[in-house]
C-alpha atoms as a PDB file:
ATOM      1  CA  MET A   1     -12.441 -15.590 -18.440  1.00  0.00           C
ATOM      2  CA  SER A   2     -15.371 -12.266 -18.603  1.00  0.00           C
ATOM      3  CA  ASP A   3     -14.412  -8.713 -17.684  1.00  0.00           C
ATOM      4  CA  LEU A   4     -16.519  -9.785 -14.295  1.00  0.00           C
ATOM      5  CA  ASP A   5     -14.059 -12.832 -13.165  1.00  0.00           C
ATOM      6  CA  GLU A   6     -10.787 -10.609 -14.302  1.00  0.00           C
ATOM      7  CA  ILE A   7     -12.513  -7.448 -12.136  1.00  0.00           C
ATOM      8  CA  GLU A   8     -12.330  -9.937  -9.512  1.00  0.00           C
ATOM      9  CA  ALA A   9      -9.072 -11.396  -9.915  1.00  0.00           C
ATOM     10  CA  ILE A  10      -7.832  -7.493 -10.018  1.00  0.00           C
ATOM     11  CA  ARG A  11      -9.652  -6.868  -6.393  1.00  0.00           C
ATOM     12  CA  GLN A  12      -7.902 -10.369  -5.251  1.00  0.00           C
ATOM     13  CA  LEU A  13      -4.709  -8.754  -6.581  1.00  0.00           C
ATOM     14  CA  LYS A  14      -5.285  -5.264  -4.397  1.00  0.00           C
ATOM     15  CA  TYR A  15      -6.257  -7.218  -1.392  1.00  0.00           C
ATOM     16  CA  ARG A  16      -2.944  -9.332  -0.929  1.00  0.00           C
ATOM     17  CA  TYR A  17      -0.738  -6.020  -1.418  1.00  0.00           C
ATOM     18  CA  LEU A  18      -2.297  -4.224   1.197  1.00  0.00           C
ATOM     19  CA  ARG A  19      -2.015  -7.300   3.583  1.00  0.00           C
ATOM     20  CA  ALA A  20       1.402  -8.028   2.634  1.00  0.00           C
ATOM     21  CA  ILE A  21       1.886  -4.221   3.264  1.00  0.00           C
ATOM     22  CA  ASP A  22       0.449  -4.639   6.736  1.00  0.00           C
ATOM     23  CA  LEU A  23       1.493  -8.315   7.890  1.00  0.00           C
ATOM     24  CA  LYS A  24       5.488  -6.641   6.563  1.00  0.00           C
ATOM     25  CA  LYS A  25       5.251 -10.180   3.756  1.00  0.00           C
ATOM     26  CA  TRP A  26       7.652  -9.008   1.813  1.00  0.00           C
ATOM     27  CA  ASP A  27       7.958 -12.106  -0.406  1.00  0.00           C
ATOM     28  CA  LEU A  28       4.117 -12.167  -0.920  1.00  0.00           C
ATOM     29  CA  LEU A  29       4.371  -8.007  -1.460  1.00  0.00           C
ATOM     30  CA  GLU A  30       7.292  -8.967  -4.482  1.00  0.00           C
ATOM     31  CA  SER A  31       4.574 -11.312  -5.954  1.00  0.00           C
ATOM     32  CA  THR A  32       2.163  -8.697  -6.619  1.00  0.00           C
ATOM     33  CA  PHE A  33       4.354  -5.751  -8.665  1.00  0.00           C
ATOM     34  CA  THR A  34       5.771  -6.566 -12.132  1.00  0.00           C
ATOM     35  CA  PRO A  35       9.642  -5.814 -12.285  1.00  0.00           C
ATOM     36  CA  ASP A  36       8.823  -2.826 -13.853  1.00  0.00           C
ATOM     37  CA  ALA A  37       6.855  -1.501 -11.752  1.00  0.00           C
ATOM     38  CA  VAL A  38       6.310   2.265 -10.359  1.00  0.00           C
ATOM     39  CA  ALA A  39       5.504   3.756  -7.424  1.00  0.00           C
ATOM     40  CA  ALA A  40       3.851   7.299  -6.451  1.00  0.00           C
ATOM     41  CA  TYR A  41       3.229   7.086  -3.244  1.00  0.00           C
ATOM     42  CA  ASP A  42       1.650  10.662  -1.476  1.00  0.00           C
ATOM     43  CA  GLY A  43       1.421  12.551  -4.310  1.00  0.00           C
ATOM     44  CA  GLY A  44       4.444  11.661  -6.413  1.00  0.00           C
ATOM     45  CA  SER A  45       6.546  12.408  -2.392  1.00  0.00           C
ATOM     46  CA  GLN A  46       7.923   9.248  -2.041  1.00  0.00           C
ATOM     47  CA  SER A  47       8.716   7.666  -6.260  1.00  0.00           C
ATOM     48  CA  HIS A  48      10.098   4.481  -6.989  1.00  0.00           C
ATOM     49  CA  ASP A  49      11.092   3.025 -10.203  1.00  0.00           C
ATOM     50  CA  GLY A  50      11.326  -0.764 -10.472  1.00  0.00           C
ATOM     51  CA  ARG A  51      10.041  -3.466  -7.789  1.00  0.00           C
ATOM     52  CA  GLU A  52      13.089  -3.988  -6.271  1.00  0.00           C
ATOM     53  CA  ALA A  53      13.151  -0.076  -5.800  1.00  0.00           C
ATOM     54  CA  ILE A  54       9.930  -0.322  -4.689  1.00  0.00           C
ATOM     55  CA  LEU A  55      10.554  -3.106  -2.069  1.00  0.00           C
ATOM     56  CA  GLY A  56      13.587  -1.257  -0.632  1.00  0.00           C
ATOM     57  CA  TRP A  57      11.729   1.420   0.224  1.00  0.00           C
ATOM     58  CA  LEU A  58       8.627   0.121   1.727  1.00  0.00           C
ATOM     59  CA  ARG A  59      11.261  -2.357   4.109  1.00  0.00           C
ATOM     60  CA  SER A  60      13.023   0.813   5.366  1.00  0.00           C
ATOM     61  CA  ALA A  61       9.663   2.951   5.989  1.00  0.00           C
ATOM     62  CA  LEU A  62       7.605  -0.001   7.395  1.00  0.00           C
ATOM     63  CA  ASP A  63      10.471  -1.219   9.919  1.00  0.00           C
ATOM     64  CA  ASN A  64       9.362  -2.933  13.061  1.00  0.00           C
ATOM     65  CA  THR A  65       8.675   0.248  14.937  1.00  0.00           C
ATOM     66  CA  ILE A  66       5.960   1.051  12.610  1.00  0.00           C
ATOM     67  CA  VAL A  67       2.213  -0.548  12.709  1.00  0.00           C
ATOM     68  CA  THR A  68       0.047  -0.449   9.600  1.00  0.00           C
ATOM     69  CA  LEU A  69      -3.718  -0.007   8.649  1.00  0.00           C
ATOM     70  CA  HIS A  70      -4.040  -0.332   5.212  1.00  0.00           C
ATOM     71  CA  GLN A  71      -8.236  -0.772   3.423  1.00  0.00           C
ATOM     72  CA  VAL A  72      -9.094   0.071   0.534  1.00  0.00           C
ATOM     73  CA  HIS A  73     -13.266   0.096  -0.981  1.00  0.00           C
ATOM     74  CA  ASN A  74     -14.896   1.536  -3.960  1.00  0.00           C
ATOM     75  CA  PRO A  75     -12.946  -0.314  -6.628  1.00  0.00           C
ATOM     76  CA  GLU A  76     -13.543   1.470 -10.124  1.00  0.00           C
ATOM     77  CA  ILE A  77     -11.988  -0.703 -12.122  1.00  0.00           C
ATOM     78  CA  GLU A  78     -11.957  -0.660 -16.075  1.00  0.00           C
ATOM     79  CA  ILE A  79     -10.259  -3.566 -18.605  1.00  0.00           C
ATOM     80  CA  THR A  80      -8.807  -1.676 -20.890  1.00  0.00           C
ATOM     81  CA  ASN A  81      -7.709  -5.232 -23.157  1.00  0.00           C
ATOM     82  CA  ALA A  82      -7.192  -8.464 -22.466  1.00  0.00           C
ATOM     83  CA  THR A  83      -3.753  -8.020 -20.461  1.00  0.00           C
ATOM     84  CA  SER A  84      -3.796  -4.497 -19.296  1.00  0.00           C
ATOM     85  CA  ALA A  85      -6.624  -2.307 -17.062  1.00  0.00           C
ATOM     86  CA  THR A  86      -6.797   0.681 -14.496  1.00  0.00           C
ATOM     87  CA  GLY A  87      -8.118   1.265 -11.160  1.00  0.00           C
ATOM     88  CA  ILE A  88      -9.527   3.892  -8.832  1.00  0.00           C
ATOM     89  CA  TRP A  89      -9.594   2.730  -4.898  1.00  0.00           C
ATOM     90  CA  TYR A  90     -10.625   5.037  -1.513  1.00  0.00           C
ATOM     91  CA  LEU A  91      -7.772   4.351   0.793  1.00  0.00           C
ATOM     92  CA  GLU A  92      -7.949   4.800   4.835  1.00  0.00           C
ATOM     93  CA  ASP A  93      -5.103   4.460   6.474  1.00  0.00           C
ATOM     94  CA  ARG A  94      -4.114   4.538   9.449  1.00  0.00           C
ATOM     95  CA  VAL A  95       0.228   4.718  10.599  1.00  0.00           C
ATOM     96  CA  ILE A  96       1.089   3.761  13.976  1.00  0.00           C
ATOM     97  CA  ASN A  97       4.865   5.293  14.383  1.00  0.00           C
ATOM     98  CA  ARG A  98       6.193   3.419  17.636  1.00  0.00           C
ATOM     99  CA  GLY A  99       9.741   4.288  17.726  1.00  0.00           C
ATOM    100  CA  ARG A 100      11.454   6.798  14.947  1.00  0.00           C
ATOM    101  CA  ASP A 101      11.111  10.236  16.713  1.00  0.00           C
ATOM    102  CA  LEU A 102       9.579  12.807  14.218  1.00  0.00           C
ATOM    103  CA  PRO A 103      11.245  16.945  14.957  1.00  0.00           C
ATOM    104  CA  GLU A 104       7.804  18.180  14.810  1.00  0.00           C
ATOM    105  CA  MET A 105       6.830  14.304  17.227  1.00  0.00           C
ATOM    106  CA  PRO A 106       9.821  12.737  19.448  1.00  0.00           C
ATOM    107  CA  GLY A 107       8.297   9.291  20.302  1.00  0.00           C
ATOM    108  CA  GLY A 108       6.480   8.812  17.690  1.00  0.00           C
ATOM    109  CA  SER A 109       3.351   9.135  15.869  1.00  0.00           C
ATOM    110  CA  ILE A 110       0.075   8.325  14.830  1.00  0.00           C
ATOM    111  CA  LEU A 111      -1.499   9.417  11.507  1.00  0.00           C
ATOM    112  CA  SER A 112      -5.438   8.685  10.484  1.00  0.00           C
ATOM    113  CA  GLY A 113      -6.171  10.053   6.565  1.00  0.00           C
ATOM    114  CA  ALA A 114      -7.846   8.770   3.055  1.00  0.00           C
ATOM    115  CA  ALA A 115      -7.018   9.095  -0.376  1.00  0.00           C
ATOM    116  CA  PHE A 116      -7.234   7.736  -3.783  1.00  0.00           C
ATOM    117  CA  TYR A 117      -5.082   5.001  -4.728  1.00  0.00           C
ATOM    118  CA  ALA A 118      -4.537   5.106  -9.164  1.00  0.00           C
ATOM    119  CA  ASP A 119      -3.464   1.778 -10.492  1.00  0.00           C
ATOM    120  CA  GLU A 120      -2.388   0.320 -13.475  1.00  0.00           C
ATOM    121  CA  TYR A 121      -2.253  -3.495 -13.964  1.00  0.00           C
ATOM    122  CA  ARG A 122      -0.987  -6.081 -16.523  1.00  0.00           C
ATOM    123  CA  LYS A 123      -1.698  -9.356 -16.829  1.00  0.00           C
ATOM    124  CA  VAL A 124       1.705 -12.020 -16.787  1.00  0.00           C
ATOM    125  CA  SER A 125       1.355 -15.084 -17.731  1.00  0.00           C
ATOM    126  CA  GLY A 126      -2.365 -15.264 -17.191  1.00  0.00           C
ATOM    127  CA  GLU A 127      -1.930 -13.872 -13.377  1.00  0.00           C
ATOM    128  CA  TRP A 128      -2.702  -9.764 -12.863  1.00  0.00           C
ATOM    129  CA  LYS A 129       0.439  -7.532 -11.894  1.00  0.00           C
ATOM    130  CA  ILE A 130       0.439  -4.307 -10.328  1.00  0.00           C
ATOM    131  CA  SER A 131       2.378  -2.031 -13.069  1.00  0.00           C
ATOM    132  CA  SER A 132       2.103   0.810 -11.561  1.00  0.00           C
ATOM    133  CA  THR A 133       0.464   1.692  -8.042  1.00  0.00           C
ATOM    134  CA  GLY A 134       0.943   5.199  -6.564  1.00  0.00           C
ATOM    135  CA  TYR A 135      -1.509   7.519  -3.930  1.00  0.00           C
ATOM    136  CA  GLU A 136      -2.785  11.136  -3.565  1.00  0.00           C
ATOM    137  CA  ARG A 137      -4.263  12.564   0.135  1.00  0.00           C
ATOM    138  CA  THR A 138      -7.658  13.972   0.794  1.00  0.00           C
ATOM    139  CA  TYR A 139      -6.522  14.683   4.500  1.00  0.00           C
ATOM    140  CA  PHE A 140      -4.617  12.924   6.940  1.00  0.00           C
ATOM    141  CA  GLU A 141      -4.504  13.715  10.765  1.00  0.00           C
ATOM    142  CA  MET A 142      -1.007  13.452  12.395  1.00  0.00           C
ATOM    143  CA  ARG A 143      -0.206  13.520  16.385  1.00  0.00           C
ATOM    144  CA  ALA A 144       1.499  12.525  19.090  1.00  0.00           C
ATOM    145  CA  TYR A 145       1.987   8.509  20.029  1.00  0.00           C
ATOM    146  CA  ASP A 146       1.047   8.542  23.477  1.00  0.00           C
ATOM    147  CA  GLU A 147       1.879   4.621  24.531  1.00  0.00           C
ATOM    148  CA  PRO A 148      -1.612   3.339  25.716  1.00  0.00           C
ATOM    149  CA  SER A 149      -0.655   0.192  28.585  1.00  0.00           C
ATOM    150  CA  ALA A 150      -2.843  -2.246  26.507  1.00  0.00           C
ATOM    151  CA  PHE A 151      -1.328  -1.766  22.905  1.00  0.00           C
ATOM    152  CA  TYR A 152       0.423  -5.041  21.227  1.00  0.00           C
ATOM    153  CA  SER A 153       1.399  -5.721  17.902  1.00  0.00           C
ATOM    154  CA  ARG A 154       2.549  -9.018  16.365  1.00  0.00           C
ATOM    155  CA  TRP A 155       5.984  -7.106  16.401  1.00  0.00           C
ATOM    156  CA  ASP A 156       6.442  -6.168  19.437  1.00  0.00           C
ATOM    157  CA  ALA A 157       8.844  -8.487  21.729  1.00  0.00           C
END
């Protein structure tokens, strides 16, 4: 495969990772990581070692009271050798918390923000996987959640 083919495969991996998070497809998300993957979300405030620890935290943090939207663009992907690569991605996200009270925002919150993901990838059995991921926020805005009457998510009963 050419470097461009490898880069496209990594792009597809990152998109699959984000789709799995937003749709809470945990088995699909598991397939995007190496077993020994590490994660340092939000500047390292949420750090986890190993695929199972990462998935456990994400399942807990993003239960059905949380609706998310993650979009990445402007990837800078570098193939470092035949089985490793790095990537930097611009992230825009929105996290709608409709059920968990925060001390400063009882009744829920909405976070909108941006960050830069820094990833490392490893090719395992011919397939790219995430071996390290994390992001540093450039900004976020958080406000109280005021339930709009027309809001609906696929997790609503």
